[in-house]
Amino acid sequence: VDRNRPDDASDPGDEVGNLGHGTGTLSILAGAHFDGTTFNSPSGIVGGATFATVIPIRVANSVVLFANSAIAQAIAYATDQKVDVLSMSMGGVPSQVWVDVVNRAYLAGITMVTAAGNNFGPGKVRVPRFIVYPARFRRVLAACGVMFDGKPYADFPNATFMGGSYGPGSKMDTAMAAFTPNVAWAEYACTKLIAFDGAGTSAATPQIASAAACWLQENRGKLNYSQPWMRVEAVRTALFATANNTNREHFGRGTLRAGLAMGQAPTAENQLQLEKTDSIGVPILGPVIGEVFGMAPSAAQQQMLQVEATQILMKDAELQRMLADAGADPEGPPENVPDEFRRRFREALADNSSTSEALKSALRRPGGAVGDSGQGSRPGSLAGVARNGGRTSLGAPASAPAVASPAEFVRFATPAPQDPRLRVRPDPRNAS
């Protein structure tokens, strides 16, 4: 991100908005003991995985200055470093490269936990209504929000109250929730201060990631699986099996109960199931089989059009509202929605000012528009971009507020460290 200091992930303190966001989320992930006696404040452990080695990777220098390629490079770097857990409190609109790096990280055995996203608007009429990418991928565990009273951190009647994204239903099998807001986290550039204003799904994400790290550490000698991806599924099985599953719509597999998860034994190899390869698309549209400018599109062109449709949907409030009002899952098979709704949805997508002429042509081609095949299969595997940063946030268009946060990568020392103190390598001002 900062070309003049490519090997420095510290927060220089000169950004606009979300200053110290990476500092805060990193401290929830692996912050050490905080002594608040000097300030007549509470004392105690701040982070969940205090034993972990953290590799901070900076991917953005402000919430409005964000490059998809930076995220992809960071996830790829984390994979090359053989990290165990990836915590990423940011997200937004995907690109093809994101898919490739996410699929590669999953197969390499990295448990990826990323923020579901935050939104504004009255009730369920919020944008982004659904979970953002990369949390939207099924090979990634999406972190949603639950409040102290057990109610969803979502759907507030007051449009000015930030809430968390959730859904669609097809994603919630690989989503869960952790507590937010008012989470204790480190204060930027104040090594002796803790703020109690950690909020959004950004604050929920490192709680789940640290639970994953603790479970891996507890069971490290028992995870003798034949394939690296099985470690990911073993972690997720432990967290899901012990979660408080009371509200699938908002919490997916349930709210995190890390203490119970620690007692969950690793699942036998023959009971673990490989998550299907992730891709990007709007399956309810169906494959693009119509002619584009009078010619049948190639497989690569169909793939590009599906990615474009996904990107537009992620940013368009009206399209998301149409889906929510109809109870339609954009990643469900075409036959799950009435033909008339699909027709109106295609037309609304074609009318979007960002829609390319090629996609418009495919959507409006008589007898060959997107979705007319009736096939429920998802488009082929794509490439996507994702990357993690040790500090800031993700920018998104005004119509689609995105989660602004960094990504931290957790790697365990070999052998496991005996001293339960945080060992990090960012700017000392950013650790607590």
Protein backbone atom coordinates (compact mmCIF):
# COMPACT_ATOMS: atom_id res chain seq x y z
CA VAL A 1 0.00 0.00 0.00
CA ASP A 2 2.73 2.45 0.98
CA ARG A 3 5.39 2.07 -1.69
CA ASN A 4 7.96 3.98 0.31
CA ARG A 5 7.74 1.40 3.13
CA PRO A 6 6.65 -1.95 1.66
CA ASP A 7 7.81 -3.95 4.68
CA ASP A 8 6.16 -1.77 7.34
CA ALA A 9 2.58 -2.63 8.33
CA SER A 10 2.34 -0.05 11.10
CA ASP A 11 -0.28 2.67 11.12
CA PRO A 12 1.40 5.99 10.30
CA GLY A 13 -1.45 7.90 11.93
CA ASP A 14 -2.21 10.14 8.98
CA GLU A 15 -5.34 8.49 7.56
CA VAL A 16 -8.81 10.00 7.37
CA GLY A 17 -11.34 7.82 9.14
CA ASN A 18 -10.90 4.51 10.94
CA LEU A 19 -7.63 5.57 12.53
CA GLY A 20 -6.38 2.73 14.71
CA HIS A 21 -8.89 0.24 13.35
CA GLY A 22 -6.18 -2.34 12.78
CA THR A 23 -4.72 -1.64 16.21
CA GLY A 24 -8.07 -2.34 17.82
CA THR A 25 -8.94 -5.50 15.94
CA LEU A 26 -5.44 -6.90 16.39
CA SER A 27 -5.72 -6.36 20.14
CA ILE A 28 -9.01 -8.31 20.28
CA LEU A 29 -7.31 -11.09 18.36
CA ALA A 30 -4.16 -11.43 20.45
CA GLY A 31 -3.76 -8.48 22.82
CA ALA A 32 -1.89 -9.15 26.05
CA HIS A 33 -2.62 -8.21 29.65
CA PHE A 34 -3.72 -4.63 30.25
CA ASP A 35 -2.96 -2.89 33.55
CA GLY A 36 -5.53 -0.17 34.07
CA THR A 37 -4.76 0.60 37.70
CA THR A 38 -2.88 3.77 36.78
CA PHE A 39 -6.08 5.15 35.27
CA ASN A 40 -8.46 3.60 37.77
CA SER A 41 -9.70 1.37 34.95
CA PRO A 42 -10.36 -2.38 34.68
CA SER A 43 -7.38 -4.65 34.16
CA GLY A 44 -7.12 -7.99 32.43
CA ILE A 45 -6.41 -9.87 29.21
CA VAL A 46 -7.63 -7.99 26.14
CA GLY A 47 -7.11 -10.54 23.38
CA GLY A 48 -8.33 -14.08 22.91
CA ALA A 49 -5.15 -15.75 21.64
CA THR A 50 -2.39 -14.10 23.65
CA PHE A 51 0.09 -16.85 22.75
CA ALA A 52 -0.17 -16.24 19.00
CA THR A 53 2.39 -14.76 16.64
CA VAL A 54 0.68 -12.15 14.50
CA ILE A 55 1.73 -11.16 11.00
CA PRO A 56 0.11 -7.78 10.28
CA ILE A 57 -0.36 -6.98 6.59
CA ARG A 58 -1.41 -3.51 5.57
CA VAL A 59 -3.75 -3.35 2.57
CA ALA A 60 -5.23 0.13 2.57
CA ASN A 61 -4.27 3.62 3.67
CA SER A 62 -7.81 4.83 4.20
CA VAL A 63 -11.34 3.52 4.00
CA VAL A 64 -11.79 5.21 0.62
CA LEU A 65 -8.44 4.20 -0.84
CA PHE A 66 -8.69 0.49 -1.41
CA ALA A 67 -7.42 -1.84 -4.12
CA ASN A 68 -8.78 -5.34 -4.63
CA SER A 69 -5.37 -6.45 -5.86
CA ALA A 70 -3.83 -5.55 -2.50
CA ILE A 71 -6.19 -7.92 -0.71
CA ALA A 72 -5.42 -10.74 -3.11
CA GLN A 73 -1.70 -10.28 -2.70
CA ALA A 74 -2.03 -10.31 1.08
CA ILE A 75 -4.05 -13.53 1.22
CA ALA A 76 -1.55 -15.09 -1.15
CA TYR A 77 1.30 -13.89 1.07
CA ALA A 78 -0.40 -15.30 4.17
CA THR A 79 -0.82 -18.62 2.39
CA ASP A 80 2.85 -18.67 1.45
CA GLN A 81 3.73 -17.96 5.08
CA LYS A 82 1.72 -21.04 6.11
CA VAL A 83 -0.40 -19.20 8.65
CA ASP A 84 -3.06 -21.09 10.57
CA VAL A 85 -5.76 -18.46 10.90
CA LEU A 86 -6.61 -15.35 8.91
CA SER A 87 -8.61 -12.58 10.59
CA MET A 88 -9.87 -9.91 8.21
CA SER A 89 -12.18 -7.16 9.43
CA MET A 90 -12.91 -5.70 6.03
CA GLY A 91 -14.72 -6.61 2.86
CA GLY A 92 -16.71 -5.33 -0.07
CA VAL A 93 -17.19 -5.92 -3.79
CA PRO A 94 -15.26 -8.91 -5.19
CA SER A 95 -13.25 -9.45 -8.33
CA GLN A 96 -12.21 -12.66 -10.02
CA VAL A 97 -8.84 -12.84 -8.32
CA TRP A 98 -10.45 -13.11 -4.89
CA VAL A 99 -11.82 -16.54 -5.73
CA ASP A 100 -8.46 -18.01 -6.64
CA VAL A 101 -6.68 -16.83 -3.51
CA VAL A 102 -9.53 -17.85 -1.22
CA ASN A 103 -9.74 -21.33 -2.74
CA ARG A 104 -5.98 -21.72 -2.51
CA ALA A 105 -5.89 -20.60 1.14
CA TYR A 106 -8.67 -23.00 2.09
CA LEU A 107 -6.96 -25.96 0.43
CA ALA A 108 -3.75 -24.97 2.23
CA GLY A 109 -5.52 -25.38 5.57
CA ILE A 110 -6.01 -21.73 6.55
CA THR A 111 -9.11 -20.98 8.63
CA MET A 112 -10.35 -17.69 7.20
CA VAL A 113 -12.64 -15.50 9.32
CA THR A 114 -13.78 -12.23 7.77
CA ALA A 115 -16.35 -9.57 8.63
CA ALA A 116 -19.90 -9.90 7.35
CA GLY A 117 -20.10 -6.15 6.75
CA ASN A 118 -21.86 -3.13 8.23
CA ASN A 119 -24.80 -1.17 6.89
CA PHE A 120 -27.15 1.75 7.41
CA GLY A 121 -30.82 2.29 6.63
CA PRO A 122 -34.23 1.65 8.22
CA GLY A 123 -35.02 -1.89 9.32
CA LYS A 124 -34.23 -4.47 6.69
CA VAL A 125 -33.91 -1.81 3.98
CA ARG A 126 -30.17 -1.49 4.38
CA VAL A 127 -27.13 -1.59 2.14
CA PRO A 128 -25.21 -3.81 1.90
CA ARG A 129 -28.18 -5.96 2.88
CA PHE A 130 -26.26 -9.21 2.46
CA ILE A 131 -22.86 -10.36 3.67
CA VAL A 132 -20.00 -8.80 1.73
CA TYR A 133 -17.04 -10.58 0.14
CA PRO A 134 -14.79 -12.35 0.98
CA ALA A 135 -16.99 -13.37 3.93
CA ARG A 136 -19.66 -14.30 1.39
CA PHE A 137 -17.56 -17.20 0.10
CA ARG A 138 -18.55 -20.50 1.67
CA ARG A 139 -14.93 -21.42 2.27
CA VAL A 140 -14.67 -18.34 4.50
CA LEU A 141 -16.31 -18.14 7.92
CA ALA A 142 -18.41 -14.96 8.03
CA ALA A 143 -18.50 -13.05 11.33
CA CYS A 144 -21.92 -11.55 12.06
CA GLY A 145 -22.88 -9.57 15.15
CA VAL A 146 -24.86 -10.34 18.30
CA MET A 147 -25.50 -7.83 21.11
CA PHE A 148 -25.10 -8.40 24.86
CA ASP A 149 -28.81 -9.24 25.23
CA GLY A 150 -28.69 -11.91 22.54
CA LYS A 151 -30.45 -9.79 19.93
CA PRO A 152 -29.04 -9.43 16.42
CA TYR A 153 -26.73 -6.54 15.70
CA ALA A 154 -28.93 -5.77 12.71
CA ASP A 155 -32.15 -4.30 11.33
CA PHE A 156 -32.31 -1.23 13.60
CA PRO A 157 -35.35 0.96 12.86
CA ASN A 158 -33.17 4.06 13.15
CA ALA A 159 -31.47 4.41 9.77
CA THR A 160 -28.48 6.20 11.32
CA PHE A 161 -27.58 3.26 13.59
CA MET A 162 -24.89 1.07 12.09
CA GLY A 163 -25.86 -2.57 11.95
CA GLY A 164 -24.37 -5.77 10.62
CA SER A 165 -25.04 -7.53 7.34
CA TYR A 166 -26.31 -11.11 7.19
CA GLY A 167 -27.61 -13.55 4.60
CA PRO A 168 -28.49 -14.70 2.06
CA GLY A 169 -29.70 -17.97 3.48
CA SER A 170 -27.41 -20.05 1.28
CA LYS A 171 -24.39 -18.43 2.97
CA MET A 172 -25.46 -18.80 6.59
CA ASP A 173 -24.27 -22.41 6.85
CA THR A 174 -20.75 -20.99 7.05
CA ALA A 175 -21.48 -17.96 9.24
CA MET A 176 -21.67 -17.38 12.97
CA ALA A 177 -21.88 -14.41 15.34
CA ALA A 178 -19.79 -12.83 18.10
CA PHE A 179 -20.43 -9.88 20.38
CA THR A 180 -20.55 -6.25 19.32
CA PRO A 181 -20.64 -3.27 19.96
CA ASN A 182 -18.82 -1.82 23.01
CA VAL A 183 -15.99 -4.34 22.80
CA ALA A 184 -12.77 -3.57 24.66
CA TRP A 185 -9.88 -2.94 22.29
CA ALA A 186 -6.59 -1.06 22.19
CA GLU A 187 -6.53 2.70 21.70
CA TYR A 188 -4.32 3.86 18.83
CA ALA A 189 -0.94 5.31 19.87
CA CYS A 190 -1.86 4.93 23.56
CA THR A 191 -0.16 1.82 24.88
CA LYS A 192 -1.67 2.24 28.35
CA LEU A 193 -5.26 2.89 27.30
CA ILE A 194 -8.14 0.60 26.36
CA ALA A 195 -11.29 1.90 24.70
CA PHE A 196 -14.63 0.21 25.10
CA ASP A 197 -16.01 1.24 21.74
CA GLY A 198 -15.10 -1.67 19.49
CA ALA A 199 -18.06 -1.94 17.13
CA GLY A 200 -19.38 -3.43 13.93
CA THR A 201 -18.72 -6.88 12.61
CA SER A 202 -15.09 -5.74 12.60
CA ALA A 203 -14.99 -6.31 16.36
CA ALA A 204 -16.80 -9.65 16.09
CA THR A 205 -14.35 -11.06 13.55
CA PRO A 206 -11.19 -11.35 15.71
CA GLN A 207 -13.20 -12.95 18.52
CA ILE A 208 -14.08 -15.87 16.25
CA ALA A 209 -10.58 -15.94 14.76
CA SER A 210 -8.99 -16.08 18.20
CA ALA A 211 -11.31 -18.93 19.21
CA ALA A 212 -10.18 -20.80 16.10
CA ALA A 213 -6.55 -20.14 17.03
CA CYS A 214 -7.06 -21.38 20.59
CA TRP A 215 -8.77 -24.57 19.42
CA LEU A 216 -5.95 -25.28 16.98
CA GLN A 217 -3.39 -24.71 19.70
CA GLU A 218 -5.25 -26.98 22.11
CA ASN A 219 -5.47 -29.78 19.55
CA ARG A 220 -2.32 -29.29 17.52
CA GLY A 221 -0.93 -32.74 18.27
CA LYS A 222 -4.18 -34.45 17.31
CA LEU A 223 -4.75 -32.99 13.84
CA ASN A 224 -3.01 -35.66 11.81
CA TYR A 225 -5.21 -35.32 8.75
CA SER A 226 -4.21 -36.44 5.27
CA GLN A 227 -5.28 -33.15 3.64
CA PRO A 228 -4.63 -29.58 4.90
CA TRP A 229 -8.22 -28.42 4.25
CA MET A 230 -9.42 -30.91 6.84
CA ARG A 231 -7.96 -28.70 9.58
CA VAL A 232 -10.27 -25.90 8.44
CA GLU A 233 -13.31 -28.14 8.57
CA ALA A 234 -12.27 -29.53 11.96
CA VAL A 235 -12.03 -26.01 13.39
CA ARG A 236 -15.35 -24.97 11.93
CA THR A 237 -17.04 -28.14 13.14
CA ALA A 238 -15.85 -27.48 16.70
CA LEU A 239 -17.03 -23.88 16.68
CA PHE A 240 -20.36 -24.67 15.03
CA ALA A 241 -21.14 -27.69 17.21
CA THR A 242 -20.78 -25.69 20.41
CA ALA A 243 -22.38 -22.42 19.25
CA ASN A 244 -25.67 -21.19 20.70
CA ASN A 245 -27.81 -21.82 17.65
CA THR A 246 -30.99 -19.83 18.23
CA ASN A 247 -31.36 -17.59 15.17
CA ARG A 248 -30.18 -18.98 11.85
CA GLU A 249 -31.35 -15.97 9.85
CA HIS A 250 -29.01 -13.58 11.65
CA PHE A 251 -26.42 -15.84 13.33
CA GLY A 252 -26.04 -18.71 10.88
CA ARG A 253 -24.56 -21.61 12.85
CA GLY A 254 -25.03 -19.69 16.11
CA THR A 255 -23.29 -17.35 18.51
CA LEU A 256 -19.73 -18.12 19.53
CA ARG A 257 -19.13 -20.06 22.77
CA ALA A 258 -15.37 -20.35 22.76
CA GLY A 259 -15.09 -21.99 26.15
CA LEU A 260 -17.29 -24.90 25.11
CA ALA A 261 -15.46 -25.21 21.81
CA MET A 262 -12.19 -25.87 23.64
CA GLY A 263 -13.65 -29.12 24.94
CA GLN A 264 -14.71 -30.30 21.49
CA ALA A 265 -12.53 -33.15 20.23
CA PRO A 266 -11.31 -33.08 16.60
CA THR A 267 -13.69 -34.72 14.16
CA ALA A 268 -12.63 -37.99 12.55
CA GLU A 269 -11.22 -37.59 9.05
CA ASN A 270 -13.92 -39.71 7.42
CA GLN A 271 -16.58 -37.35 8.78
CA LEU A 272 -15.09 -34.17 7.32
CA GLN A 273 -16.48 -32.88 4.06
CA LEU A 274 -14.67 -30.71 1.54
CA GLU A 275 -16.46 -27.40 0.99
CA LYS A 276 -17.21 -27.00 -2.70
CA THR A 277 -15.05 -24.68 -4.74
CA ASP A 278 -16.07 -21.04 -4.39
CA SER A 279 -17.03 -18.90 -7.36
CA ILE A 280 -18.62 -15.54 -8.10
CA GLY A 281 -21.97 -15.16 -9.77
CA VAL A 282 -25.70 -14.57 -9.41
CA PRO A 283 -27.01 -18.11 -9.87
CA ILE A 284 -30.70 -17.14 -9.84
CA LEU A 285 -30.02 -15.46 -13.18
CA GLY A 286 -28.78 -18.75 -14.58
CA PRO A 287 -25.91 -19.05 -17.05
CA VAL A 288 -25.67 -16.44 -19.80
CA ILE A 289 -26.76 -18.33 -22.91
CA GLY A 290 -28.15 -15.48 -24.97
CA GLU A 291 -26.26 -13.81 -27.75
CA VAL A 292 -24.11 -10.80 -26.97
CA PHE A 293 -24.07 -8.41 -29.90
CA GLY A 294 -25.35 -11.21 -32.15
CA MET A 295 -22.78 -13.81 -31.05
CA ALA A 296 -22.97 -16.60 -28.49
CA PRO A 297 -20.70 -15.73 -25.55
CA SER A 298 -17.78 -17.98 -24.74
CA ALA A 299 -17.42 -19.62 -21.34
CA ALA A 300 -14.93 -16.93 -20.35
CA GLN A 301 -17.36 -14.19 -21.42
CA GLN A 302 -20.18 -15.81 -19.48
CA GLN A 303 -17.95 -15.87 -16.45
CA MET A 304 -17.06 -12.21 -16.85
CA LEU A 305 -20.73 -11.28 -17.15
CA GLN A 306 -21.58 -13.20 -13.98
CA VAL A 307 -18.82 -11.39 -12.10
CA GLU A 308 -20.05 -8.04 -13.41
CA ALA A 309 -23.61 -8.86 -12.34
CA THR A 310 -22.34 -9.72 -8.84
CA GLN A 311 -20.37 -6.49 -8.54
CA ILE A 312 -23.36 -4.39 -9.60
CA LEU A 313 -25.69 -6.22 -7.21
CA MET A 314 -23.31 -5.61 -4.30
CA LYS A 315 -23.52 -1.85 -4.89
CA ASP A 316 -27.15 -1.37 -5.93
CA ALA A 317 -29.60 -0.71 -3.09
CA GLU A 318 -32.70 -1.19 -5.23
CA LEU A 319 -31.61 -4.59 -6.53
CA GLN A 320 -30.86 -5.76 -3.00
CA ARG A 321 -34.22 -4.43 -1.85
CA MET A 322 -35.99 -6.36 -4.61
CA LEU A 323 -34.37 -9.59 -3.45
CA ALA A 324 -35.11 -8.93 0.23
CA ASP A 325 -38.75 -8.03 -0.41
CA ALA A 326 -39.26 -11.18 -2.48
CA GLY A 327 -37.37 -13.38 -0.06
CA ALA A 328 -35.17 -14.42 -2.97
CA ASP A 329 -31.68 -15.81 -2.47
CA PRO A 330 -29.41 -14.43 -5.23
CA GLU A 331 -27.25 -17.54 -4.96
CA GLY A 332 -30.13 -19.98 -5.21
CA PRO A 333 -31.11 -21.88 -8.36
CA PRO A 334 -33.27 -20.05 -10.95
CA GLU A 335 -36.22 -22.36 -10.41
CA ASN A 336 -36.53 -21.11 -6.82
CA VAL A 337 -37.96 -17.78 -8.00
CA PRO A 338 -41.01 -17.11 -10.20
CA ASP A 339 -40.32 -16.35 -13.86
CA GLU A 340 -41.95 -12.94 -13.53
CA PHE A 341 -39.69 -11.91 -10.67
CA ARG A 342 -36.62 -13.10 -12.54
CA ARG A 343 -37.72 -11.11 -15.57
CA ARG A 344 -38.15 -7.93 -13.50
CA PHE A 345 -34.87 -8.51 -11.74
CA ARG A 346 -33.02 -8.95 -15.04
CA GLU A 347 -34.58 -5.77 -16.37
CA ALA A 348 -33.62 -3.80 -13.26
CA LEU A 349 -30.07 -5.12 -13.53
CA ALA A 350 -29.93 -4.13 -17.20
CA ASP A 351 -31.19 -0.64 -16.33
CA ASN A 352 -28.37 -0.01 -13.85
CA SER A 353 -26.16 2.83 -15.04
CA SER A 354 -23.04 0.72 -14.42
CA THR A 355 -24.17 -2.23 -16.52
CA SER A 356 -22.02 -2.79 -19.60
CA GLU A 357 -23.54 -2.98 -23.05
CA ALA A 358 -22.46 -6.62 -23.26
CA LEU A 359 -24.35 -7.56 -20.09
CA LYS A 360 -27.39 -5.54 -21.17
CA SER A 361 -27.38 -7.37 -24.48
CA ALA A 362 -27.26 -10.75 -22.76
CA LEU A 363 -29.93 -9.85 -20.22
CA ARG A 364 -32.39 -8.51 -22.80
CA ARG A 365 -31.82 -10.93 -25.64
CA PRO A 366 -35.25 -12.48 -26.46
CA GLY A 367 -35.29 -16.16 -25.65
CA GLY A 368 -31.71 -16.13 -24.42
CA ALA A 369 -31.49 -13.84 -21.45
CA VAL A 370 -29.56 -14.67 -18.34
CA GLY A 371 -31.44 -17.27 -16.37
CA ASP A 372 -33.52 -18.79 -19.16
CA SER A 373 -31.68 -22.09 -19.10
CA GLY A 374 -33.32 -23.15 -15.84
CA GLN A 375 -30.05 -24.62 -14.65
CA GLY A 376 -29.28 -24.28 -10.97
CA SER A 377 -25.56 -24.85 -11.14
CA ARG A 378 -23.20 -22.09 -10.17
CA PRO A 379 -20.83 -20.65 -12.75
CA GLY A 380 -17.37 -22.11 -12.93
CA SER A 381 -14.65 -21.23 -10.48
CA LEU A 382 -13.42 -17.71 -10.86
CA ALA A 383 -10.51 -15.74 -9.65
CA GLY A 384 -11.01 -13.16 -6.97
CA VAL A 385 -8.97 -10.53 -5.22
CA ALA A 386 -8.53 -10.28 -1.53
CA ARG A 387 -5.86 -9.03 0.70
CA ASN A 388 -5.25 -8.27 4.29
CA GLY A 389 -3.85 -5.35 6.08
CA GLY A 390 -2.47 -4.71 9.45
CA ARG A 391 -4.41 -1.54 9.84
CA THR A 392 -7.16 0.10 7.91
CA SER A 393 -10.30 -0.41 6.03
CA LEU A 394 -12.09 -0.95 2.86
CA GLY A 395 -13.71 1.75 0.84
CA ALA A 396 -17.02 1.27 -0.90
CA PRO A 397 -19.35 3.47 -2.88
CA ALA A 398 -21.70 5.64 -0.86
CA SER A 399 -24.59 3.41 -1.91
CA ALA A 400 -22.89 0.38 -0.38
CA PRO A 401 -21.07 1.06 2.89
CA ALA A 402 -18.56 -1.67 3.53
CA VAL A 403 -16.83 -3.01 6.57
CA ALA A 404 -13.71 -0.98 7.11
CA SER A 405 -10.96 -2.96 8.68
CA PRO A 406 -7.69 -4.76 8.39
CA ALA A 407 -6.71 -8.31 8.27
CA GLU A 408 -4.44 -10.00 10.66
CA PHE A 409 -2.83 -13.37 10.04
CA VAL A 410 -2.17 -15.64 12.98
CA ARG A 411 0.76 -18.01 12.83
CA PHE A 412 1.83 -20.29 15.64
CA ALA A 413 5.43 -20.73 16.60
CA THR A 414 6.94 -24.20 16.41
CA PRO A 415 7.13 -25.37 19.07
CA ALA A 416 4.24 -23.51 20.68
CA PRO A 417 5.45 -20.61 22.80
CA GLN A 418 5.36 -21.18 26.53
CA ASP A 419 5.23 -17.51 27.48
CA PRO A 420 1.57 -16.42 27.12
CA ARG A 421 2.43 -12.89 26.03
CA LEU A 422 1.60 -11.20 22.77
CA ARG A 423 4.38 -11.33 20.21
CA VAL A 424 3.72 -9.01 17.30
CA ARG A 425 5.71 -7.11 14.76
CA PRO A 426 3.86 -3.85 14.11
CA ASP A 427 4.75 -0.36 15.24
CA PRO A 428 4.99 -0.46 19.08
CA ARG A 429 2.42 2.32 19.24
CA ASN A 430 -0.13 -0.04 17.80
CA ALA A 431 0.20 -2.85 20.33
CA SER A 432 -1.17 -2.92 23.82
